[in-house]
Amino acid sequence: MILAQRALSANDLPTAHKAVTAAIADRDDVADYHILQGRIELASGSSSAAFNAYRNALALDATNTEALLEVSQLGLTTGNL
């Protein structure tokens, strides 16, 4: 997880994506992992994948404000509402 965050901060999106995917494969019940995946997907320009990641985070933590905000904004952008 730390590797994914550092890679995102360094704009090394392939490494960030690989690291967060591995983290989610290991523990798919951690909302913060899905939040980070959403951030990585947004930085990569993939609105649809970001929406799915944030939606997964919201399913795990319905009170997460970042997930709520991004699902609503990306839902409008991608037509998923």
C-alpha atoms as a PDB file:
ATOM      1  CA  MET A   1       0.000   0.000   0.000  1.00  0.00           C
ATOM      2  CA  ILE A   2       2.802   2.414   0.849  1.00  0.00           C
ATOM      3  CA  LEU A   3       4.522   1.540  -2.436  1.00  0.00           C
ATOM      4  CA  ALA A   4       1.344   2.377  -4.353  1.00  0.00           C
ATOM      5  CA  GLN A   5       0.988   5.737  -2.601  1.00  0.00           C
ATOM      6  CA  ARG A   6       4.633   6.635  -3.167  1.00  0.00           C
ATOM      7  CA  ALA A   7       4.436   5.629  -6.810  1.00  0.00           C
ATOM      8  CA  LEU A   8       1.303   7.740  -7.281  1.00  0.00           C
ATOM      9  CA  SER A   9       3.014  10.703  -5.629  1.00  0.00           C
ATOM     10  CA  ALA A  10       5.952  10.244  -8.018  1.00  0.00           C
ATOM     11  CA  ASN A  11       3.512   9.934 -10.953  1.00  0.00           C
ATOM     12  CA  ASP A  12       4.753   6.391 -11.603  1.00  0.00           C
ATOM     13  CA  LEU A  13       1.286   5.180 -12.491  1.00  0.00           C
ATOM     14  CA  PRO A  14       2.168   1.689 -13.791  1.00  0.00           C
ATOM     15  CA  THR A  15       3.950   0.862 -10.514  1.00  0.00           C
ATOM     16  CA  ALA A  16       1.143   2.421  -8.475  1.00  0.00           C
ATOM     17  CA  HIS A  17      -1.473   0.404 -10.356  1.00  0.00           C
ATOM     18  CA  LYS A  18       0.445  -2.844  -9.954  1.00  0.00           C
ATOM     19  CA  ALA A  19       0.987  -2.261  -6.217  1.00  0.00           C
ATOM     20  CA  VAL A  20      -2.616  -1.348  -5.429  1.00  0.00           C
ATOM     21  CA  THR A  21      -3.900  -4.278  -7.486  1.00  0.00           C
ATOM     22  CA  ALA A  22      -1.711  -6.624  -5.437  1.00  0.00           C
ATOM     23  CA  ALA A  23      -2.902  -5.039  -2.183  1.00  0.00           C
ATOM     24  CA  ILE A  24      -6.553  -5.471  -3.180  1.00  0.00           C
ATOM     25  CA  ALA A  25      -5.937  -9.059  -4.272  1.00  0.00           C
ATOM     26  CA  ASP A  26      -4.588  -9.721  -0.796  1.00  0.00           C
ATOM     27  CA  ARG A  27      -7.250  -7.738   1.128  1.00  0.00           C
ATOM     28  CA  ASP A  28     -10.298  -6.647  -0.852  1.00  0.00           C
ATOM     29  CA  ASP A  29     -12.145  -5.627   2.315  1.00  0.00           C
ATOM     30  CA  VAL A  30     -10.127  -2.452   2.975  1.00  0.00           C
ATOM     31  CA  ALA A  31     -11.910   0.662   1.722  1.00  0.00           C
ATOM     32  CA  ASP A  32      -8.702   2.721   1.725  1.00  0.00           C
ATOM     33  CA  TYR A  33      -7.174   0.387  -0.863  1.00  0.00           C
ATOM     34  CA  HIS A  34     -10.098   1.025  -3.197  1.00  0.00           C
ATOM     35  CA  ILE A  35      -9.864   4.772  -2.546  1.00  0.00           C
ATOM     36  CA  LEU A  36      -6.210   4.693  -3.562  1.00  0.00           C
ATOM     37  CA  GLN A  37      -7.106   2.653  -6.630  1.00  0.00           C
ATOM     38  CA  GLY A  38      -9.663   5.315  -7.539  1.00  0.00           C
ATOM     39  CA  ARG A  39      -7.048   8.047  -7.226  1.00  0.00           C
ATOM     40  CA  ILE A  40      -4.643   6.069  -9.412  1.00  0.00           C
ATOM     41  CA  GLU A  41      -7.315   5.424 -12.045  1.00  0.00           C
ATOM     42  CA  LEU A  42      -8.240   9.122 -12.084  1.00  0.00           C
ATOM     43  CA  ALA A  43      -4.592  10.081 -12.524  1.00  0.00           C
ATOM     44  CA  SER A  44      -4.415   7.548 -15.375  1.00  0.00           C
ATOM     45  CA  GLY A  45      -7.419   9.139 -17.055  1.00  0.00           C
ATOM     46  CA  SER A  46      -9.735   6.184 -16.580  1.00  0.00           C
ATOM     47  CA  SER A  47     -12.965   7.649 -15.219  1.00  0.00           C
ATOM     48  CA  SER A  48     -14.912   4.423 -15.538  1.00  0.00           C
ATOM     49  CA  ALA A  49     -12.342   2.370 -13.608  1.00  0.00           C
ATOM     50  CA  ALA A  50     -12.094   5.143 -11.010  1.00  0.00           C
ATOM     51  CA  PHE A  51     -15.874   5.090 -10.578  1.00  0.00           C
ATOM     52  CA  ASN A  52     -15.788   1.334  -9.988  1.00  0.00           C
ATOM     53  CA  ALA A  53     -12.983   1.643  -7.435  1.00  0.00           C
ATOM     54  CA  TYR A  54     -14.756   4.404  -5.521  1.00  0.00           C
ATOM     55  CA  ARG A  55     -18.034   2.476  -5.680  1.00  0.00           C
ATOM     56  CA  ASN A  56     -16.267  -0.528  -4.147  1.00  0.00           C
ATOM     57  CA  ALA A  57     -14.891   1.702  -1.391  1.00  0.00           C
ATOM     58  CA  LEU A  58     -18.362   3.082  -0.754  1.00  0.00           C
ATOM     59  CA  ALA A  59     -19.777  -0.432  -0.460  1.00  0.00           C
ATOM     60  CA  LEU A  60     -17.236  -1.094   2.296  1.00  0.00           C
ATOM     61  CA  ASP A  61     -17.567   2.294   4.037  1.00  0.00           C
ATOM     62  CA  ALA A  62     -20.783   4.153   3.299  1.00  0.00           C
ATOM     63  CA  THR A  63     -19.608   7.185   5.297  1.00  0.00           C
ATOM     64  CA  ASN A  64     -16.377   7.792   3.383  1.00  0.00           C
ATOM     65  CA  THR A  65     -16.739  11.342   2.088  1.00  0.00           C
ATOM     66  CA  GLU A  66     -14.168  11.008  -0.703  1.00  0.00           C
ATOM     67  CA  ALA A  67     -15.911   7.909  -2.037  1.00  0.00           C
ATOM     68  CA  LEU A  68     -19.331   9.607  -1.815  1.00  0.00           C
ATOM     69  CA  LEU A  69     -18.097  12.688  -3.643  1.00  0.00           C
ATOM     70  CA  GLU A  70     -16.255  10.791  -6.373  1.00  0.00           C
ATOM     71  CA  VAL A  71     -19.069   8.295  -6.976  1.00  0.00           C
ATOM     72  CA  SER A  72     -21.527  11.144  -7.445  1.00  0.00           C
ATOM     73  CA  GLN A  73     -19.219  13.204  -9.683  1.00  0.00           C
ATOM     74  CA  LEU A  74     -17.902  10.289 -11.713  1.00  0.00           C
ATOM     75  CA  GLY A  75     -21.361   8.767 -11.901  1.00  0.00           C
ATOM     76  CA  LEU A  76     -22.563  11.873 -13.697  1.00  0.00           C
ATOM     77  CA  THR A  77     -19.496  11.964 -15.949  1.00  0.00           C
ATOM     78  CA  THR A  78     -19.627   8.294 -16.889  1.00  0.00           C
ATOM     79  CA  GLY A  79     -23.418   7.925 -16.958  1.00  0.00           C
ATOM     80  CA  ASN A  80     -23.437   5.408 -14.114  1.00  0.00           C
ATOM     81  CA  LEU A  81     -26.175   7.062 -12.064  1.00  0.00           C
END
